[in-house]
Amino acid sequence: MAIKITDECINCGACEPECPNNAIYEGGVEWAITDGTSVKGAYTMMDGTTTDADTRHAPKAVDIYYITPDKCTECQGFHEEPQCAAVCPVDCCVPDEMYRETVDELLAKKEKLHL
């Protein structure tokens, strides 16, 4: 499953540079699939909708850092554990029960993001 950042976030920013998929954004910042990935053109999101990789999407949070589940792979294929959780000083990077994915699904998403 993807990782989420809880309301306990202190906005330290330690997690953002650790994400190999650029799935972590500062609160209030729009996100795009193409940010930090090799994706170009049409991209199918987790909910089945299609978007252009360059399209900017509304922030998932305004006051705290957030993780977009469409880009989070829990660091599968990169690291042994999610790096955001490993560096978070207040343990606010936790599994997101709304997005349950197997290791194989996470690895497939990684391959899709990094052609």
PDB file of N, CA and C in Angstrom:
ATOM      1  N   MET A   1       0.839  -1.190   0.000  1.00  0.00           N
ATOM      2  CA  MET A   1       0.000   0.000   0.000  1.00  0.00           C
ATOM      3  C   MET A   1       0.871   1.235   0.000  1.00  0.00           C
ATOM      4  N   ALA A   2       0.325   2.315  -0.436  1.00  0.00           N
ATOM      5  CA  ALA A   2       1.066   3.573  -0.455  1.00  0.00           C
ATOM      6  C   ALA A   2       1.275   4.061   0.987  1.00  0.00           C
ATOM      7  N   ILE A   3       2.132   5.027   1.121  1.00  0.00           N
ATOM      8  CA  ILE A   3       2.391   5.659   2.414  1.00  0.00           C
ATOM      9  C   ILE A   3       1.647   6.991   2.430  1.00  0.00           C
ATOM     10  N   LYS A   4       1.207   7.402   3.604  1.00  0.00           N
ATOM     11  CA  LYS A   4       0.584   8.720   3.756  1.00  0.00           C
ATOM     12  C   LYS A   4       1.280   9.461   4.877  1.00  0.00           C
ATOM     13  N   ILE A   5       1.105  10.761   4.873  1.00  0.00           N
ATOM     14  CA  ILE A   5       1.662  11.602   5.935  1.00  0.00           C
ATOM     15  C   ILE A   5       0.502  12.086   6.781  1.00  0.00           C
ATOM     16  N   THR A   6       0.585  11.849   8.079  1.00  0.00           N
ATOM     17  CA  THR A   6      -0.507  12.196   8.984  1.00  0.00           C
ATOM     18  C   THR A   6      -0.417  13.651   9.442  1.00  0.00           C
ATOM     19  N   ASP A   7      -1.450  14.084  10.139  1.00  0.00           N
ATOM     20  CA  ASP A   7      -1.521  15.460  10.647  1.00  0.00           C
ATOM     21  C   ASP A   7      -0.429  15.787  11.667  1.00  0.00           C
ATOM     22  N   GLU A   8       0.278  14.773  12.152  1.00  0.00           N
ATOM     23  CA  GLU A   8       1.363  15.009  13.101  1.00  0.00           C
ATOM     24  C   GLU A   8       2.599  15.605  12.420  1.00  0.00           C
ATOM     25  N   CYS A   9       2.581  15.718  11.095  1.00  0.00           N
ATOM     26  CA  CYS A   9       3.714  16.255  10.326  1.00  0.00           C
ATOM     27  C   CYS A   9       4.101  17.633  10.862  1.00  0.00           C
ATOM     28  N   ILE A  10       5.420  17.829  11.058  1.00  0.00           N
ATOM     29  CA  ILE A  10       5.921  19.116  11.560  1.00  0.00           C
ATOM     30  C   ILE A  10       6.545  19.954  10.438  1.00  0.00           C
ATOM     31  N   ASN A  11       6.327  19.518   9.193  1.00  0.00           N
ATOM     32  CA  ASN A  11       6.826  20.244   8.016  1.00  0.00           C
ATOM     33  C   ASN A  11       8.345  20.430   8.015  1.00  0.00           C
ATOM     34  N   CYS A  12       9.072  19.428   8.486  1.00  0.00           N
ATOM     35  CA  CYS A  12      10.529  19.542   8.500  1.00  0.00           C
ATOM     36  C   CYS A  12      11.123  19.349   7.109  1.00  0.00           C
ATOM     37  N   GLY A  13      10.407  18.635   6.239  1.00  0.00           N
ATOM     38  CA  GLY A  13      10.877  18.426   4.875  1.00  0.00           C
ATOM     39  C   GLY A  13      11.902  17.318   4.711  1.00  0.00           C
ATOM     40  N   ALA A  14      12.196  16.567   5.756  1.00  0.00           N
ATOM     41  CA  ALA A  14      13.213  15.518   5.669  1.00  0.00           C
ATOM     42  C   ALA A  14      12.828  14.425   4.671  1.00  0.00           C
ATOM     43  N   CYS A  15      11.555  14.174   4.514  1.00  0.00           N
ATOM     44  CA  CYS A  15      11.075  13.084   3.668  1.00  0.00           C
ATOM     45  C   CYS A  15      11.186  13.383   2.170  1.00  0.00           C
ATOM     46  N   GLU A  16      10.941  14.608   1.785  1.00  0.00           N
ATOM     47  CA  GLU A  16      10.826  14.953   0.362  1.00  0.00           C
ATOM     48  C   GLU A  16      12.038  14.543  -0.475  1.00  0.00           C
ATOM     49  N   PRO A  17      13.263  14.887  -0.094  1.00  0.00           N
ATOM     50  CA  PRO A  17      14.403  14.505  -0.943  1.00  0.00           C
ATOM     51  C   PRO A  17      14.717  13.012  -0.932  1.00  0.00           C
ATOM     52  N   GLU A  18      14.153  12.273  -0.002  1.00  0.00           N
ATOM     53  CA  GLU A  18      14.429  10.836   0.107  1.00  0.00           C
ATOM     54  C   GLU A  18      13.601   9.995  -0.857  1.00  0.00           C
ATOM     55  N   CYS A  19      12.526  10.550  -1.402  1.00  0.00           N
ATOM     56  CA  CYS A  19      11.603   9.781  -2.234  1.00  0.00           C
ATOM     57  C   CYS A  19      12.164   9.567  -3.643  1.00  0.00           C
ATOM     58  N   PRO A  20      12.380   8.302  -4.030  1.00  0.00           N
ATOM     59  CA  PRO A  20      12.938   8.029  -5.358  1.00  0.00           C
ATOM     60  C   PRO A  20      11.948   8.280  -6.493  1.00  0.00           C
ATOM     61  N   ASN A  21      10.681   8.454  -6.173  1.00  0.00           N
ATOM     62  CA  ASN A  21       9.646   8.677  -7.183  1.00  0.00           C
ATOM     63  C   ASN A  21       9.150  10.113  -7.226  1.00  0.00           C
ATOM     64  N   ASN A  22       9.707  10.969  -6.382  1.00  0.00           N
ATOM     65  CA  ASN A  22       9.213  12.340  -6.255  1.00  0.00           C
ATOM     66  C   ASN A  22       7.706  12.353  -6.010  1.00  0.00           C
ATOM     67  N   ALA A  23       7.270  11.491  -5.111  1.00  0.00           N
ATOM     68  CA  ALA A  23       5.843  11.389  -4.778  1.00  0.00           C
ATOM     69  C   ALA A  23       5.465  12.289  -3.613  1.00  0.00           C
ATOM     70  N   ILE A  24       6.451  12.929  -2.978  1.00  0.00           N
ATOM     71  CA  ILE A  24       6.206  13.759  -1.804  1.00  0.00           C
ATOM     72  C   ILE A  24       6.300  15.226  -2.192  1.00  0.00           C
ATOM     73  N   TYR A  25       5.288  15.976  -1.775  1.00  0.00           N
ATOM     74  CA  TYR A  25       5.218  17.395  -2.106  1.00  0.00           C
ATOM     75  C   TYR A  25       4.944  18.218  -0.854  1.00  0.00           C
ATOM     76  N   GLU A  26       5.429  19.437  -0.863  1.00  0.00           N
ATOM     77  CA  GLU A  26       5.127  20.371   0.212  1.00  0.00           C
ATOM     78  C   GLU A  26       3.656  20.738   0.124  1.00  0.00           C
ATOM     79  N   GLY A  27       3.025  20.937   1.267  1.00  0.00           N
ATOM     80  CA  GLY A  27       1.612  21.308   1.291  1.00  0.00           C
ATOM     81  C   GLY A  27       1.325  22.498   0.400  1.00  0.00           C
ATOM     82  N   GLY A  28       0.247  22.408  -0.374  1.00  0.00           N
ATOM     83  CA  GLY A  28      -0.170  23.495  -1.242  1.00  0.00           C
ATOM     84  C   GLY A  28       0.462  23.484  -2.618  1.00  0.00           C
ATOM     85  N   VAL A  29       1.432  22.611  -2.856  1.00  0.00           N
ATOM     86  CA  VAL A  29       2.113  22.546  -4.150  1.00  0.00           C
ATOM     87  C   VAL A  29       1.405  21.536  -5.050  1.00  0.00           C
ATOM     88  N   GLU A  30       1.117  21.943  -6.289  1.00  0.00           N
ATOM     89  CA  GLU A  30       0.511  21.027  -7.253  1.00  0.00           C
ATOM     90  C   GLU A  30       1.522  19.952  -7.643  1.00  0.00           C
ATOM     91  N   TRP A  31       1.025  18.798  -8.069  1.00  0.00           N
ATOM     92  CA  TRP A  31       1.892  17.686  -8.445  1.00  0.00           C
ATOM     93  C   TRP A  31       1.583  17.219  -9.860  1.00  0.00           C
ATOM     94  N   ALA A  32       2.557  16.521 -10.459  1.00  0.00           N
ATOM     95  CA  ALA A  32       2.380  15.925 -11.782  1.00  0.00           C
ATOM     96  C   ALA A  32       3.123  14.594 -11.826  1.00  0.00           C
ATOM     97  N   ILE A  33       2.617  13.677 -12.611  1.00  0.00           N
ATOM     98  CA  ILE A  33       3.260  12.369 -12.774  1.00  0.00           C
ATOM     99  C   ILE A  33       4.691  12.532 -13.270  1.00  0.00           C
ATOM    100  N   THR A  34       4.925  13.456 -14.177  1.00  0.00           N
ATOM    101  CA  THR A  34       6.240  13.632 -14.789  1.00  0.00           C
ATOM    102  C   THR A  34       7.318  14.125 -13.823  1.00  0.00           C
ATOM    103  N   ASP A  35       6.931  14.738 -12.713  1.00  0.00           N
ATOM    104  CA  ASP A  35       7.913  15.243 -11.750  1.00  0.00           C
ATOM    105  C   ASP A  35       8.801  14.107 -11.249  1.00  0.00           C
ATOM    106  N   GLY A  36      10.070  14.133 -11.619  1.00  0.00           N
ATOM    107  CA  GLY A  36      11.026  13.139 -11.128  1.00  0.00           C
ATOM    108  C   GLY A  36      10.894  11.755 -11.724  1.00  0.00           C
ATOM    109  N   THR A  37      10.096  11.599 -12.771  1.00  0.00           N
ATOM    110  CA  THR A  37       9.954  10.294 -13.425  1.00  0.00           C
ATOM    111  C   THR A  37      10.290  10.455 -14.903  1.00  0.00           C
ATOM    112  N   SER A  38      10.270   9.351 -15.625  1.00  0.00           N
ATOM    113  CA  SER A  38      10.542   9.408 -17.061  1.00  0.00           C
ATOM    114  C   SER A  38       9.261   9.325 -17.884  1.00  0.00           C
ATOM    115  N   VAL A  39       8.112   9.446 -17.247  1.00  0.00           N
ATOM    116  CA  VAL A  39       6.826   9.305 -17.933  1.00  0.00           C
ATOM    117  C   VAL A  39       6.552  10.523 -18.812  1.00  0.00           C
ATOM    118  N   LYS A  40       6.127  10.245 -20.024  1.00  0.00           N
ATOM    119  CA  LYS A  40       5.704  11.278 -20.966  1.00  0.00           C
ATOM    120  C   LYS A  40       4.360  10.862 -21.559  1.00  0.00           C
ATOM    121  N   GLY A  41       3.527  11.829 -21.921  1.00  0.00           N
ATOM    122  CA  GLY A  41       2.254  11.521 -22.579  1.00  0.00           C
ATOM    123  C   GLY A  41       1.200  11.007 -21.626  1.00  0.00           C
ATOM    124  N   ALA A  42       0.301  10.177 -22.152  1.00  0.00           N
ATOM    125  CA  ALA A  42      -0.837   9.669 -21.376  1.00  0.00           C
ATOM    126  C   ALA A  42      -0.368   8.698 -20.293  1.00  0.00           C
ATOM    127  N   TYR A  43      -1.015   8.795 -19.133  1.00  0.00           N
ATOM    128  CA  TYR A  43      -0.694   7.933 -17.994  1.00  0.00           C
ATOM    129  C   TYR A  43      -1.999   7.528 -17.322  1.00  0.00           C
ATOM    130  N   THR A  44      -2.154   6.239 -17.054  1.00  0.00           N
ATOM    131  CA  THR A  44      -3.357   5.751 -16.386  1.00  0.00           C
ATOM    132  C   THR A  44      -3.138   5.759 -14.882  1.00  0.00           C
ATOM    133  N   MET A  45      -4.008   6.484 -14.190  1.00  0.00           N
ATOM    134  CA  MET A  45      -3.921   6.627 -12.741  1.00  0.00           C
ATOM    135  C   MET A  45      -4.476   5.375 -12.050  1.00  0.00           C
ATOM    136  N   MET A  46      -4.290   5.291 -10.744  1.00  0.00           N
ATOM    137  CA  MET A  46      -4.756   4.145  -9.966  1.00  0.00           C
ATOM    138  C   MET A  46      -6.276   3.972 -10.036  1.00  0.00           C
ATOM    139  N   ASP A  47      -6.999   5.072 -10.192  1.00  0.00           N
ATOM    140  CA  ASP A  47      -8.470   4.979 -10.249  1.00  0.00           C
ATOM    141  C   ASP A  47      -8.987   4.666 -11.646  1.00  0.00           C
ATOM    142  N   GLY A  48      -8.054   4.448 -12.597  1.00  0.00           N
ATOM    143  CA  GLY A  48      -8.444   4.087 -13.958  1.00  0.00           C
ATOM    144  C   GLY A  48      -8.567   5.263 -14.914  1.00  0.00           C
ATOM    145  N   THR A  49      -8.551   6.477 -14.398  1.00  0.00           N
ATOM    146  CA  THR A  49      -8.626   7.641 -15.278  1.00  0.00           C
ATOM    147  C   THR A  49      -7.271   7.859 -15.957  1.00  0.00           C
ATOM    148  N   THR A  50      -7.314   8.537 -17.071  1.00  0.00           N
ATOM    149  CA  THR A  50      -6.090   8.834 -17.808  1.00  0.00           C
ATOM    150  C   THR A  50      -5.809  10.324 -17.727  1.00  0.00           C
ATOM    151  N   THR A  51      -4.545  10.661 -17.559  1.00  0.00           N
ATOM    152  CA  THR A  51      -4.114  12.046 -17.499  1.00  0.00           C
ATOM    153  C   THR A  51      -2.849  12.189 -18.331  1.00  0.00           C
ATOM    154  N   ASP A  52      -2.542  13.383 -18.731  1.00  0.00           N
ATOM    155  CA  ASP A  52      -1.257  13.636 -19.360  1.00  0.00           C
ATOM    156  C   ASP A  52      -0.226  13.751 -18.242  1.00  0.00           C
ATOM    157  N   ALA A  53       0.937  13.185 -18.432  1.00  0.00           N
ATOM    158  CA  ALA A  53       1.971  13.174 -17.388  1.00  0.00           C
ATOM    159  C   ALA A  53       2.351  14.574 -16.929  1.00  0.00           C
ATOM    160  N   ASP A  54       2.232  15.561 -17.814  1.00  0.00           N
ATOM    161  CA  ASP A  54       2.593  16.936 -17.473  1.00  0.00           C
ATOM    162  C   ASP A  54       1.489  17.712 -16.767  1.00  0.00           C
ATOM    163  N   THR A  55       0.281  17.166 -16.715  1.00  0.00           N
ATOM    164  CA  THR A  55      -0.839  17.873 -16.095  1.00  0.00           C
ATOM    165  C   THR A  55      -0.579  18.082 -14.606  1.00  0.00           C
ATOM    166  N   ARG A  56      -0.762  19.317 -14.161  1.00  0.00           N
ATOM    167  CA  ARG A  56      -0.616  19.644 -12.741  1.00  0.00           C
ATOM    168  C   ARG A  56      -1.940  19.318 -12.042  1.00  0.00           C
ATOM    169  N   HIS A  57      -1.849  18.626 -10.911  1.00  0.00           N
ATOM    170  CA  HIS A  57      -3.024  18.223 -10.133  1.00  0.00           C
ATOM    171  C   HIS A  57      -3.069  19.005  -8.827  1.00  0.00           C
ATOM    172  N   ALA A  58      -4.269  19.163  -8.316  1.00  0.00           N
ATOM    173  CA  ALA A  58      -4.465  19.887  -7.058  1.00  0.00           C
ATOM    174  C   ALA A  58      -3.711  19.190  -5.932  1.00  0.00           C
ATOM    175  N   PRO A  59      -3.179  19.967  -4.998  1.00  0.00           N
ATOM    176  CA  PRO A  59      -2.474  19.368  -3.861  1.00  0.00           C
ATOM    177  C   PRO A  59      -3.402  18.486  -3.031  1.00  0.00           C
ATOM    178  N   LYS A  60      -2.865  17.419  -2.473  1.00  0.00           N
ATOM    179  CA  LYS A  60      -3.632  16.524  -1.599  1.00  0.00           C
ATOM    180  C   LYS A  60      -3.744  17.098  -0.196  1.00  0.00           C
ATOM    181  N   ALA A  61      -2.875  18.045   0.140  1.00  0.00           N
ATOM    182  CA  ALA A  61      -2.898  18.710   1.447  1.00  0.00           C
ATOM    183  C   ALA A  61      -2.382  20.126   1.258  1.00  0.00           C
ATOM    184  N   VAL A  62      -2.792  21.010   2.146  1.00  0.00           N
ATOM    185  CA  VAL A  62      -2.380  22.409   2.049  1.00  0.00           C
ATOM    186  C   VAL A  62      -1.410  22.792   3.158  1.00  0.00           C
ATOM    187  N   ASP A  63      -1.623  22.268   4.344  1.00  0.00           N
ATOM    188  CA  ASP A  63      -0.851  22.687   5.511  1.00  0.00           C
ATOM    189  C   ASP A  63       0.358  21.815   5.841  1.00  0.00           C
ATOM    190  N   ILE A  64       0.393  20.593   5.306  1.00  0.00           N
ATOM    191  CA  ILE A  64       1.491  19.677   5.608  1.00  0.00           C
ATOM    192  C   ILE A  64       1.979  19.012   4.317  1.00  0.00           C
ATOM    193  N   TYR A  65       3.152  18.426   4.372  1.00  0.00           N
ATOM    194  CA  TYR A  65       3.645  17.645   3.241  1.00  0.00           C
ATOM    195  C   TYR A  65       2.655  16.525   2.956  1.00  0.00           C
ATOM    196  N   TYR A  66       2.629  16.058   1.715  1.00  0.00           N
ATOM    197  CA  TYR A  66       1.732  14.961   1.360  1.00  0.00           C
ATOM    198  C   TYR A  66       2.396  14.048   0.338  1.00  0.00           C
ATOM    199  N   ILE A  67       1.862  12.844   0.240  1.00  0.00           N
ATOM    200  CA  ILE A  67       2.350  11.850  -0.717  1.00  0.00           C
ATOM    201  C   ILE A  67       1.217  11.544  -1.680  1.00  0.00           C
ATOM    202  N   THR A  68       1.497  11.605  -2.972  1.00  0.00           N
ATOM    203  CA  THR A  68       0.482  11.219  -3.938  1.00  0.00           C
ATOM    204  C   THR A  68       0.584   9.710  -4.183  1.00  0.00           C
ATOM    205  N   PRO A  69      -0.495   8.978  -3.905  1.00  0.00           N
ATOM    206  CA  PRO A  69      -0.451   7.518  -4.020  1.00  0.00           C
ATOM    207  C   PRO A  69      -0.177   7.022  -5.438  1.00  0.00           C
ATOM    208  N   ASP A  70      -0.503   7.822  -6.445  1.00  0.00           N
ATOM    209  CA  ASP A  70      -0.254   7.399  -7.819  1.00  0.00           C
ATOM    210  C   ASP A  70       1.233   7.288  -8.132  1.00  0.00           C
ATOM    211  N   LYS A  71       2.090   7.841  -7.290  1.00  0.00           N
ATOM    212  CA  LYS A  71       3.530   7.764  -7.522  1.00  0.00           C
ATOM    213  C   LYS A  71       4.270   6.999  -6.426  1.00  0.00           C
ATOM    214  N   CYS A  72       3.615   6.704  -5.317  1.00  0.00           N
ATOM    215  CA  CYS A  72       4.278   6.030  -4.200  1.00  0.00           C
ATOM    216  C   CYS A  72       4.388   4.528  -4.458  1.00  0.00           C
ATOM    217  N   THR A  73       5.604   4.016  -4.333  1.00  0.00           N
ATOM    218  CA  THR A  73       5.843   2.577  -4.471  1.00  0.00           C
ATOM    219  C   THR A  73       6.399   1.979  -3.180  1.00  0.00           C
ATOM    220  N   GLU A  74       6.289   2.715  -2.084  1.00  0.00           N
ATOM    221  CA  GLU A  74       6.875   2.294  -0.804  1.00  0.00           C
ATOM    222  C   GLU A  74       8.365   2.005  -0.948  1.00  0.00           C
ATOM    223  N   CYS A  75       8.995   2.623  -1.927  1.00  0.00           N
ATOM    224  CA  CYS A  75      10.420   2.464  -2.229  1.00  0.00           C
ATOM    225  C   CYS A  75      10.776   1.066  -2.732  1.00  0.00           C
ATOM    226  N   GLN A  76       9.763   0.270  -3.107  1.00  0.00           N
ATOM    227  CA  GLN A  76      10.035  -1.062  -3.652  1.00  0.00           C
ATOM    228  C   GLN A  76      10.911  -0.927  -4.891  1.00  0.00           C
ATOM    229  N   GLY A  77      11.932  -1.768  -4.982  1.00  0.00           N
ATOM    230  CA  GLY A  77      12.850  -1.738  -6.102  1.00  0.00           C
ATOM    231  C   GLY A  77      13.971  -0.728  -5.929  1.00  0.00           C
ATOM    232  N   PHE A  78      13.903   0.070  -4.877  1.00  0.00           N
ATOM    233  CA  PHE A  78      14.938   1.062  -4.586  1.00  0.00           C
ATOM    234  C   PHE A  78      15.606   0.797  -3.238  1.00  0.00           C
ATOM    235  N   HIS A  79      14.794   0.581  -2.202  1.00  0.00           N
ATOM    236  CA  HIS A  79      15.292   0.451  -0.833  1.00  0.00           C
ATOM    237  C   HIS A  79      14.550  -0.668  -0.102  1.00  0.00           C
ATOM    238  N   GLU A  80      15.087  -1.078   1.023  1.00  0.00           N
ATOM    239  CA  GLU A  80      14.492  -2.137   1.841  1.00  0.00           C
ATOM    240  C   GLU A  80      13.218  -1.688   2.553  1.00  0.00           C
ATOM    241  N   GLU A  81      13.100  -0.377   2.802  1.00  0.00           N
ATOM    242  CA  GLU A  81      11.946   0.164   3.520  1.00  0.00           C
ATOM    243  C   GLU A  81      11.620   1.545   2.968  1.00  0.00           C
ATOM    244  N   PRO A  82      10.408   2.027   3.191  1.00  0.00           N
ATOM    245  CA  PRO A  82      10.066   3.378   2.744  1.00  0.00           C
ATOM    246  C   PRO A  82      10.985   4.406   3.399  1.00  0.00           C
ATOM    247  N   GLN A  83      11.683   5.156   2.578  1.00  0.00           N
ATOM    248  CA  GLN A  83      12.667   6.101   3.091  1.00  0.00           C
ATOM    249  C   GLN A  83      12.035   7.272   3.824  1.00  0.00           C
ATOM    250  N   CYS A  84      10.826   7.670   3.442  1.00  0.00           N
ATOM    251  CA  CYS A  84      10.151   8.773   4.145  1.00  0.00           C
ATOM    252  C   CYS A  84       9.940   8.396   5.612  1.00  0.00           C
ATOM    253  N   ALA A  85       9.486   7.159   5.826  1.00  0.00           N
ATOM    254  CA  ALA A  85       9.250   6.690   7.195  1.00  0.00           C
ATOM    255  C   ALA A  85      10.566   6.553   7.959  1.00  0.00           C
ATOM    256  N   ALA A  86      11.621   6.133   7.266  1.00  0.00           N
ATOM    257  CA  ALA A  86      12.909   5.930   7.925  1.00  0.00           C
ATOM    258  C   ALA A  86      13.508   7.233   8.440  1.00  0.00           C
ATOM    259  N   VAL A  87      13.273   8.346   7.733  1.00  0.00           N
ATOM    260  CA  VAL A  87      13.885   9.618   8.139  1.00  0.00           C
ATOM    261  C   VAL A  87      12.949  10.532   8.914  1.00  0.00           C
ATOM    262  N   CYS A  88      11.677  10.197   9.005  1.00  0.00           N
ATOM    263  CA  CYS A  88      10.711  11.072   9.673  1.00  0.00           C
ATOM    264  C   CYS A  88      10.957  11.125  11.184  1.00  0.00           C
ATOM    265  N   PRO A  89      11.204  12.324  11.720  1.00  0.00           N
ATOM    266  CA  PRO A  89      11.497  12.429  13.149  1.00  0.00           C
ATOM    267  C   PRO A  89      10.275  12.257  14.056  1.00  0.00           C
ATOM    268  N   VAL A  90       9.071  12.336  13.493  1.00  0.00           N
ATOM    269  CA  VAL A  90       7.868  12.210  14.332  1.00  0.00           C
ATOM    270  C   VAL A  90       7.004  11.018  13.923  1.00  0.00           C
ATOM    271  N   ASP A  91       7.537  10.140  13.093  1.00  0.00           N
ATOM    272  CA  ASP A  91       6.832   8.915  12.673  1.00  0.00           C
ATOM    273  C   ASP A  91       5.444   9.181  12.104  1.00  0.00           C
ATOM    274  N   CYS A  92       5.335  10.190  11.230  1.00  0.00           N
ATOM    275  CA  CYS A  92       4.029  10.488  10.649  1.00  0.00           C
ATOM    276  C   CYS A  92       3.862   9.915   9.242  1.00  0.00           C
ATOM    277  N   CYS A  93       4.856   9.190   8.730  1.00  0.00           N
ATOM    278  CA  CYS A  93       4.750   8.518   7.439  1.00  0.00           C
ATOM    279  C   CYS A  93       4.346   7.072   7.714  1.00  0.00           C
ATOM    280  N   VAL A  94       3.082   6.770   7.442  1.00  0.00           N
ATOM    281  CA  VAL A  94       2.514   5.471   7.798  1.00  0.00           C
ATOM    282  C   VAL A  94       1.802   4.868   6.587  1.00  0.00           C
ATOM    283  N   PRO A  95       1.558   3.545   6.602  1.00  0.00           N
ATOM    284  CA  PRO A  95       0.828   2.926   5.492  1.00  0.00           C
ATOM    285  C   PRO A  95      -0.561   3.552   5.325  1.00  0.00           C
ATOM    286  N   ASP A  96      -0.943   3.769   4.083  1.00  0.00           N
ATOM    287  CA  ASP A  96      -2.248   4.341   3.752  1.00  0.00           C
ATOM    288  C   ASP A  96      -3.214   3.202   3.449  1.00  0.00           C
ATOM    289  N   GLU A  97      -4.097   2.918   4.381  1.00  0.00           N
ATOM    290  CA  GLU A  97      -5.033   1.805   4.253  1.00  0.00           C
ATOM    291  C   GLU A  97      -5.997   1.959   3.075  1.00  0.00           C
ATOM    292  N   MET A  98      -6.072   3.138   2.503  1.00  0.00           N
ATOM    293  CA  MET A  98      -6.944   3.367   1.346  1.00  0.00           C
ATOM    294  C   MET A  98      -6.342   2.792   0.060  1.00  0.00           C
ATOM    295  N   TYR A  99      -5.050   2.533   0.057  1.00  0.00           N
ATOM    296  CA  TYR A  99      -4.363   2.078  -1.150  1.00  0.00           C
ATOM    297  C   TYR A  99      -3.544   0.831  -0.857  1.00  0.00           C
ATOM    298  N   ARG A 100      -4.194  -0.311  -0.903  1.00  0.00           N
ATOM    299  CA  ARG A 100      -3.526  -1.581  -0.638  1.00  0.00           C
ATOM    300  C   ARG A 100      -2.997  -2.160  -1.951  1.00  0.00           C
ATOM    301  N   GLU A 101      -1.678  -2.387  -2.008  1.00  0.00           N
ATOM    302  CA  GLU A 101      -1.045  -2.941  -3.198  1.00  0.00           C
ATOM    303  C   GLU A 101      -0.051  -4.014  -2.774  1.00  0.00           C
ATOM    304  N   THR A 102       0.073  -5.028  -3.605  1.00  0.00           N
ATOM    305  CA  THR A 102       1.055  -6.080  -3.342  1.00  0.00           C
ATOM    306  C   THR A 102       2.442  -5.580  -3.751  1.00  0.00           C
ATOM    307  N   VAL A 103       3.462  -6.313  -3.349  1.00  0.00           N
ATOM    308  CA  VAL A 103       4.827  -5.977  -3.742  1.00  0.00           C
ATOM    309  C   VAL A 103       4.937  -6.004  -5.268  1.00  0.00           C
ATOM    310  N   ASP A 104       4.327  -6.990  -5.900  1.00  0.00           N
ATOM    311  CA  ASP A 104       4.369  -7.071  -7.364  1.00  0.00           C
ATOM    312  C   ASP A 104       3.701  -5.867  -8.013  1.00  0.00           C
ATOM    313  N   GLU A 105       2.587  -5.406  -7.457  1.00  0.00           N
ATOM    314  CA  GLU A 105       1.908  -4.223  -7.990  1.00  0.00           C
ATOM    315  C   GLU A 105       2.769  -2.971  -7.805  1.00  0.00           C
ATOM    316  N   LEU A 106       3.424  -2.866  -6.660  1.00  0.00           N
ATOM    317  CA  LEU A 106       4.294  -1.719  -6.402  1.00  0.00           C
ATOM    318  C   LEU A 106       5.498  -1.721  -7.344  1.00  0.00           C
ATOM    319  N   LEU A 107       6.063  -2.896  -7.591  1.00  0.00           N
ATOM    320  CA  LEU A 107       7.195  -2.999  -8.517  1.00  0.00           C
ATOM    321  C   LEU A 107       6.758  -2.672  -9.953  1.00  0.00           C
ATOM    322  N   ALA A 108       5.559  -3.080 -10.324  1.00  0.00           N
ATOM    323  CA  ALA A 108       5.033  -2.756 -11.656  1.00  0.00           C
ATOM    324  C   ALA A 108       4.831  -1.249 -11.783  1.00  0.00           C
ATOM    325  N   LYS A 109       4.357  -0.604 -10.723  1.00  0.00           N
ATOM    326  CA  LYS A 109       4.185   0.854 -10.742  1.00  0.00           C
ATOM    327  C   LYS A 109       5.556   1.533 -10.878  1.00  0.00           C
ATOM    328  N   LYS A 110       6.548   1.022 -10.173  1.00  0.00           N
ATOM    329  CA  LYS A 110       7.900   1.577 -10.279  1.00  0.00           C
ATOM    330  C   LYS A 110       8.392   1.497 -11.728  1.00  0.00           C
ATOM    331  N   GLU A 111       8.185   0.362 -12.361  1.00  0.00           N
ATOM    332  CA  GLU A 111       8.619   0.200 -13.759  1.00  0.00           C
ATOM    333  C   GLU A 111       7.871   1.152 -14.684  1.00  0.00           C
ATOM    334  N   LYS A 112       6.616   1.396 -14.401  1.00  0.00           N
ATOM    335  CA  LYS A 112       5.806   2.309 -15.200  1.00  0.00           C
ATOM    336  C   LYS A 112       6.289   3.759 -15.059  1.00  0.00           C
ATOM    337  N   LEU A 113       6.751   4.118 -13.862  1.00  0.00           N
ATOM    338  CA  LEU A 113       7.213   5.479 -13.598  1.00  0.00           C
ATOM    339  C   LEU A 113       8.636   5.728 -14.103  1.00  0.00           C
ATOM    340  N   HIS A 114       9.426   4.678 -14.151  1.00  0.00           N
ATOM    341  CA  HIS A 114      10.840   4.824 -14.522  1.00  0.00           C
ATOM    342  C   HIS A 114      11.148   3.905 -15.687  1.00  0.00           C
ATOM    343  N   LEU A 115      10.715   4.298 -16.866  1.00  0.00           N
ATOM    344  CA  LEU A 115      10.893   3.478 -18.076  1.00  0.00           C
ATOM    345  C   LEU A 115      12.353   3.270 -18.427  1.00  0.00           C
TER     346      LEU A 115
END
